[in-house]
PDB file of all heavy atoms in Angstrom:
ATOM      1  N   PRO A   1       7.456   0.870  16.380  1.00  0.00           N
ATOM      2  CA  PRO A   1       8.207   1.186  17.601  1.00  0.00           C
ATOM      3  C   PRO A   1       8.748   2.596  17.576  1.00  0.00           C
ATOM      4  O   PRO A   1       9.094   3.123  16.528  1.00  0.00           O
ATOM      5  CB  PRO A   1       9.354   0.168  17.577  1.00  0.00           C
ATOM      6  CG  PRO A   1       9.523  -0.149  16.133  1.00  0.00           C
ATOM      7  CD  PRO A   1       8.151  -0.071  15.514  1.00  0.00           C
ATOM      8  N   ILE A   2       8.789   3.218  18.739  1.00  0.00           N
ATOM      9  CA  ILE A   2       9.345   4.561  18.881  1.00  0.00           C
ATOM     10  C   ILE A   2      10.610   4.445  19.724  1.00  0.00           C
ATOM     11  O   ILE A   2      10.561   4.079  20.892  1.00  0.00           O
ATOM     12  CB  ILE A   2       8.351   5.504  19.569  1.00  0.00           C
ATOM     13  CG1 ILE A   2       7.065   5.619  18.745  1.00  0.00           C
ATOM     14  CG2 ILE A   2       8.961   6.874  19.793  1.00  0.00           C
ATOM     15  CD1 ILE A   2       5.986   6.375  19.476  1.00  0.00           C
ATOM     16  N   SER A   3      11.743   4.725  19.141  1.00  0.00           N
ATOM     17  CA  SER A   3      12.991   4.673  19.889  1.00  0.00           C
ATOM     18  C   SER A   3      13.047   5.830  20.871  1.00  0.00           C
ATOM     19  O   SER A   3      12.732   6.962  20.527  1.00  0.00           O
ATOM     20  CB  SER A   3      14.180   4.745  18.925  1.00  0.00           C
ATOM     21  OG  SER A   3      14.187   3.606  18.090  1.00  0.00           O
ATOM     22  N   ILE A   4      13.451   5.518  22.073  1.00  0.00           N
ATOM     23  CA  ILE A   4      13.489   6.528  23.125  1.00  0.00           C
ATOM     24  C   ILE A   4      14.919   6.805  23.547  1.00  0.00           C
ATOM     25  O   ILE A   4      15.702   5.890  23.749  1.00  0.00           O
ATOM     26  CB  ILE A   4      12.674   6.074  24.350  1.00  0.00           C
ATOM     27  CG1 ILE A   4      11.184   6.041  23.995  1.00  0.00           C
ATOM     28  CG2 ILE A   4      12.909   6.973  25.545  1.00  0.00           C
ATOM     29  CD1 ILE A   4      10.324   5.582  25.130  1.00  0.00           C
ATOM     30  N   ASP A   5      15.266   8.066  23.655  1.00  0.00           N
ATOM     31  CA  ASP A   5      16.490   8.437  24.351  1.00  0.00           C
ATOM     32  C   ASP A   5      16.152   9.600  25.263  1.00  0.00           C
ATOM     33  O   ASP A   5      15.094  10.196  25.167  1.00  0.00           O
ATOM     34  CB  ASP A   5      17.625   8.772  23.376  1.00  0.00           C
ATOM     35  CG  ASP A   5      17.325   9.981  22.517  1.00  0.00           C
ATOM     36  OD1 ASP A   5      17.061  11.052  23.092  1.00  0.00           O
ATOM     37  OD2 ASP A   5      17.372   9.870  21.280  1.00  0.00           O
ATOM     38  N   SER A   6      17.038   9.901  26.184  1.00  0.00           N
ATOM     39  CA  SER A   6      16.707  10.881  27.220  1.00  0.00           C
ATOM     40  C   SER A   6      17.097  12.297  26.855  1.00  0.00           C
ATOM     41  O   SER A   6      16.933  13.211  27.665  1.00  0.00           O
ATOM     42  CB  SER A   6      17.397  10.484  28.536  1.00  0.00           C
ATOM     43  OG  SER A   6      18.807  10.427  28.340  1.00  0.00           O
ATOM     44  N   SER A   7      17.609  12.517  25.655  1.00  0.00           N
ATOM     45  CA  SER A   7      17.984  13.873  25.254  1.00  0.00           C
ATOM     46  C   SER A   7      16.741  14.686  24.936  1.00  0.00           C
ATOM     47  O   SER A   7      15.662  14.146  24.713  1.00  0.00           O
ATOM     48  CB  SER A   7      18.881  13.821  24.009  1.00  0.00           C
ATOM     49  OG  SER A   7      18.157  13.360  22.888  1.00  0.00           O
ATOM     50  N   ALA A   8      16.903  16.006  24.903  1.00  0.00           N
ATOM     51  CA  ALA A   8      15.771  16.883  24.608  1.00  0.00           C
ATOM     52  C   ALA A   8      15.213  16.602  23.223  1.00  0.00           C
ATOM     53  O   ALA A   8      14.001  16.494  23.038  1.00  0.00           O
ATOM     54  CB  ALA A   8      16.199  18.347  24.722  1.00  0.00           C
ATOM     55  N   SER A   9      16.104  16.467  22.239  1.00  0.00           N
ATOM     56  CA  SER A   9      15.631  16.216  20.879  1.00  0.00           C
ATOM     57  C   SER A   9      14.970  14.849  20.775  1.00  0.00           C
ATOM     58  O   SER A   9      13.980  14.672  20.067  1.00  0.00           O
ATOM     59  CB  SER A   9      16.785  16.325  19.881  1.00  0.00           C
ATOM     60  OG  SER A   9      17.797  15.375  20.183  1.00  0.00           O
ATOM     61  N   GLY A  10      15.524  13.859  21.508  1.00  0.00           N
ATOM     62  CA  GLY A  10      14.941  12.525  21.482  1.00  0.00           C
ATOM     63  C   GLY A  10      13.565  12.499  22.098  1.00  0.00           C
ATOM     64  O   GLY A  10      12.640  11.906  21.550  1.00  0.00           O
ATOM     65  N   SER A  11      13.403  13.143  23.241  1.00  0.00           N
ATOM     66  CA  SER A  11      12.101  13.160  23.898  1.00  0.00           C
ATOM     67  C   SER A  11      11.086  13.939  23.077  1.00  0.00           C
ATOM     68  O   SER A  11       9.905  13.574  23.026  1.00  0.00           O
ATOM     69  CB  SER A  11      12.220  13.761  25.303  1.00  0.00           C
ATOM     70  OG  SER A  11      12.682  15.105  25.256  1.00  0.00           O
ATOM     71  N   ASP A  12      11.516  14.997  22.406  1.00  0.00           N
ATOM     72  CA  ASP A  12      10.599  15.754  21.553  1.00  0.00           C
ATOM     73  C   ASP A  12      10.045  14.878  20.440  1.00  0.00           C
ATOM     74  O   ASP A  12       8.859  14.963  20.102  1.00  0.00           O
ATOM     75  CB  ASP A  12      11.314  16.962  20.937  1.00  0.00           C
ATOM     76  CG  ASP A  12      11.554  18.079  21.939  1.00  0.00           C
ATOM     77  OD1 ASP A  12      10.925  18.037  23.020  1.00  0.00           O
ATOM     78  OD2 ASP A  12      12.369  18.978  21.652  1.00  0.00           O
ATOM     79  N   ARG A  13      10.884  14.040  19.866  1.00  0.00           N
ATOM     80  CA  ARG A  13      10.425  13.146  18.808  1.00  0.00           C
ATOM     81  C   ARG A  13       9.407  12.147  19.344  1.00  0.00           C
ATOM     82  O   ARG A  13       8.404  11.848  18.695  1.00  0.00           O
ATOM     83  CB  ARG A  13      11.612  12.412  18.176  1.00  0.00           C
ATOM     84  CG  ARG A  13      12.467  13.281  17.265  1.00  0.00           C
ATOM     85  CD  ARG A  13      13.412  12.429  16.432  1.00  0.00           C
ATOM     86  NE  ARG A  13      14.359  11.688  17.238  1.00  0.00           N
ATOM     87  CZ  ARG A  13      15.539  12.163  17.629  1.00  0.00           C
ATOM     88  NH1 ARG A  13      15.901  13.398  17.296  1.00  0.00           N
ATOM     89  NH2 ARG A  13      16.357  11.424  18.351  1.00  0.00           N
ATOM     90  N   VAL A  14       9.669  11.628  20.523  1.00  0.00           N
ATOM     91  CA  VAL A  14       8.745  10.671  21.128  1.00  0.00           C
ATOM     92  C   VAL A  14       7.396  11.327  21.396  1.00  0.00           C
ATOM     93  O   VAL A  14       6.345  10.779  21.064  1.00  0.00           O
ATOM     94  CB  VAL A  14       9.327  10.096  22.428  1.00  0.00           C
ATOM     95  CG1 VAL A  14       8.296   9.223  23.134  1.00  0.00           C
ATOM     96  CG2 VAL A  14      10.583   9.293  22.131  1.00  0.00           C
ATOM     97  N   ILE A  15       7.431  12.509  22.002  1.00  0.00           N
ATOM     98  CA  ILE A  15       6.199  13.217  22.329  1.00  0.00           C
ATOM     99  C   ILE A  15       5.365  13.445  21.075  1.00  0.00           C
ATOM    100  O   ILE A  15       4.141  13.269  21.078  1.00  0.00           O
ATOM    101  CB  ILE A  15       6.517  14.574  23.014  1.00  0.00           C
ATOM    102  CG1 ILE A  15       7.191  14.356  24.362  1.00  0.00           C
ATOM    103  CG2 ILE A  15       5.246  15.414  23.174  1.00  0.00           C
ATOM    104  CD1 ILE A  15       6.386  13.541  25.337  1.00  0.00           C
ATOM    105  N   SER A  16       6.003  13.820  19.991  1.00  0.00           N
ATOM    106  CA  SER A  16       5.267  14.122  18.757  1.00  0.00           C
ATOM    107  C   SER A  16       4.679  12.882  18.109  1.00  0.00           C
ATOM    108  O   SER A  16       3.732  12.982  17.330  1.00  0.00           O
ATOM    109  CB  SER A  16       6.185  14.835  17.758  1.00  0.00           C
ATOM    110  OG  SER A  16       7.192  13.967  17.283  1.00  0.00           O
ATOM    111  N   LYS A  17       5.221  11.695  18.439  1.00  0.00           N
ATOM    112  CA  LYS A  17       4.763  10.467  17.788  1.00  0.00           C
ATOM    113  C   LYS A  17       3.739   9.688  18.604  1.00  0.00           C
ATOM    114  O   LYS A  17       3.041   8.833  18.063  1.00  0.00           O
ATOM    115  CB  LYS A  17       5.963   9.560  17.489  1.00  0.00           C
ATOM    116  CG  LYS A  17       6.882  10.096  16.395  1.00  0.00           C
ATOM    117  CD  LYS A  17       8.064   9.177  16.157  1.00  0.00           C
ATOM    118  CE  LYS A  17       8.992   9.720  15.092  1.00  0.00           C
ATOM    119  NZ  LYS A  17      10.171   8.844  14.876  1.00  0.00           N
ATOM    120  N   LEU A  18       3.653   9.957  19.894  1.00  0.00           N
ATOM    121  CA  LEU A  18       2.675   9.241  20.710  1.00  0.00           C
ATOM    122  C   LEU A  18       1.260   9.592  20.256  1.00  0.00           C
ATOM    123  O   LEU A  18       0.950  10.738  19.983  1.00  0.00           O
ATOM    124  CB  LEU A  18       2.869   9.591  22.193  1.00  0.00           C
ATOM    125  CG  LEU A  18       4.119   8.995  22.841  1.00  0.00           C
ATOM    126  CD1 LEU A  18       4.336   9.593  24.220  1.00  0.00           C
ATOM    127  CD2 LEU A  18       4.009   7.476  22.922  1.00  0.00           C
ATOM    128  N   SER A  19       0.412   8.582  20.199  1.00  0.00           N
ATOM    129  CA  SER A  19      -0.936   8.778  19.661  1.00  0.00           C
ATOM    130  C   SER A  19      -1.819   9.562  20.620  1.00  0.00           C
ATOM    131  O   SER A  19      -1.559   9.643  21.830  1.00  0.00           O
ATOM    132  CB  SER A  19      -1.583   7.423  19.382  1.00  0.00           C
ATOM    133  OG  SER A  19      -1.930   6.785  20.602  1.00  0.00           O
ATOM    134  N   LEU A  20      -2.893  10.100  20.079  1.00  0.00           N
ATOM    135  CA  LEU A  20      -3.871  10.790  20.926  1.00  0.00           C
ATOM    136  C   LEU A  20      -4.438   9.827  21.962  1.00  0.00           C
ATOM    137  O   LEU A  20      -4.733  10.227  23.092  1.00  0.00           O
ATOM    138  CB  LEU A  20      -4.987  11.375  20.057  1.00  0.00           C
ATOM    139  CG  LEU A  20      -6.088  12.139  20.794  1.00  0.00           C
ATOM    140  CD1 LEU A  20      -5.521  13.286  21.620  1.00  0.00           C
ATOM    141  CD2 LEU A  20      -7.135  12.649  19.806  1.00  0.00           C
ATOM    142  N   GLY A  21      -4.576   8.568  21.584  1.00  0.00           N
ATOM    143  CA  GLY A  21      -5.079   7.585  22.540  1.00  0.00           C
ATOM    144  C   GLY A  21      -4.201   7.472  23.771  1.00  0.00           C
ATOM    145  O   GLY A  21      -4.692   7.259  24.888  1.00  0.00           O
ATOM    146  N   PHE A  22      -2.902   7.618  23.599  1.00  0.00           N
ATOM    147  CA  PHE A  22      -1.974   7.587  24.730  1.00  0.00           C
ATOM    148  C   PHE A  22      -2.307   8.707  25.710  1.00  0.00           C
ATOM    149  O   PHE A  22      -2.434   8.492  26.919  1.00  0.00           O
ATOM    150  CB  PHE A  22      -0.544   7.729  24.219  1.00  0.00           C
ATOM    151  CG  PHE A  22       0.504   7.758  25.309  1.00  0.00           C
ATOM    152  CD1 PHE A  22       1.106   6.593  25.735  1.00  0.00           C
ATOM    153  CD2 PHE A  22       0.890   8.955  25.900  1.00  0.00           C
ATOM    154  CE1 PHE A  22       2.089   6.604  26.731  1.00  0.00           C
ATOM    155  CE2 PHE A  22       1.859   8.989  26.891  1.00  0.00           C
ATOM    156  CZ  PHE A  22       2.452   7.810  27.307  1.00  0.00           C
ATOM    157  N   TRP A  23      -2.442   9.915  25.187  1.00  0.00           N
ATOM    158  CA  TRP A  23      -2.687  11.072  26.049  1.00  0.00           C
ATOM    159  C   TRP A  23      -4.070  11.013  26.686  1.00  0.00           C
ATOM    160  O   TRP A  23      -4.236  11.375  27.867  1.00  0.00           O
ATOM    161  CB  TRP A  23      -2.518  12.365  25.255  1.00  0.00           C
ATOM    162  CG  TRP A  23      -1.159  12.478  24.645  1.00  0.00           C
ATOM    163  CD1 TRP A  23      -0.823  12.354  23.323  1.00  0.00           C
ATOM    164  CD2 TRP A  23       0.078  12.716  25.335  1.00  0.00           C
ATOM    165  NE1 TRP A  23       0.525  12.486  23.150  1.00  0.00           N
ATOM    166  CE2 TRP A  23       1.114  12.709  24.368  1.00  0.00           C
ATOM    167  CE3 TRP A  23       0.419  12.926  26.661  1.00  0.00           C
ATOM    168  CZ2 TRP A  23       2.447  12.916  24.697  1.00  0.00           C
ATOM    169  CZ3 TRP A  23       1.753  13.130  26.997  1.00  0.00           C
ATOM    170  CH2 TRP A  23       2.748  13.121  26.026  1.00  0.00           C
ATOM    171  N   VAL A  24      -5.068  10.558  25.950  1.00  0.00           N
ATOM    172  CA  VAL A  24      -6.412  10.429  26.504  1.00  0.00           C
ATOM    173  C   VAL A  24      -6.405   9.436  27.664  1.00  0.00           C
ATOM    174  O   VAL A  24      -7.046   9.661  28.700  1.00  0.00           O
ATOM    175  CB  VAL A  24      -7.412   9.988  25.414  1.00  0.00           C
ATOM    176  CG1 VAL A  24      -8.774   9.663  26.032  1.00  0.00           C
ATOM    177  CG2 VAL A  24      -7.576  11.089  24.362  1.00  0.00           C
ATOM    178  N   SER A  25      -5.669   8.350  27.510  1.00  0.00           N
ATOM    179  CA  SER A  25      -5.637   7.323  28.546  1.00  0.00           C
ATOM    180  C   SER A  25      -5.021   7.819  29.851  1.00  0.00           C
ATOM    181  O   SER A  25      -5.260   7.241  30.913  1.00  0.00           O
ATOM    182  CB  SER A  25      -4.862   6.099  28.055  1.00  0.00           C
ATOM    183  OG  SER A  25      -5.552   5.463  27.012  1.00  0.00           O
ATOM    184  N   MET A  26      -4.253   8.886  29.788  1.00  0.00           N
ATOM    185  CA  MET A  26      -3.645   9.414  31.008  1.00  0.00           C
ATOM    186  C   MET A  26      -4.670   9.975  31.990  1.00  0.00           C
ATOM    187  O   MET A  26      -4.352  10.160  33.167  1.00  0.00           O
ATOM    188  CB  MET A  26      -2.620  10.488  30.662  1.00  0.00           C
ATOM    189  CG  MET A  26      -1.306   9.922  30.182  1.00  0.00           C
ATOM    190  SD  MET A  26       0.005  11.169  30.178  1.00  0.00           S
ATOM    191  CE  MET A  26       1.458  10.100  30.110  1.00  0.00           C
ATOM    192  N   THR A  27      -5.878  10.243  31.512  1.00  0.00           N
ATOM    193  CA  THR A  27      -6.919  10.755  32.405  1.00  0.00           C
ATOM    194  C   THR A  27      -7.913   9.671  32.804  1.00  0.00           C
ATOM    195  O   THR A  27      -8.959   9.974  33.380  1.00  0.00           O
ATOM    196  CB  THR A  27      -7.671  11.926  31.743  1.00  0.00           C
ATOM    197  OG1 THR A  27      -8.156  11.525  30.447  1.00  0.00           O
ATOM    198  CG2 THR A  27      -6.772  13.133  31.590  1.00  0.00           C
TER     199      THR A  27
END
């Protein structure tokens, strides 16, 4: 699980942990 918060540092951590599959699926 990736804990999410709305702060800049929190979102940066989430972005760095999301898999390549997540980003590929966006298209």
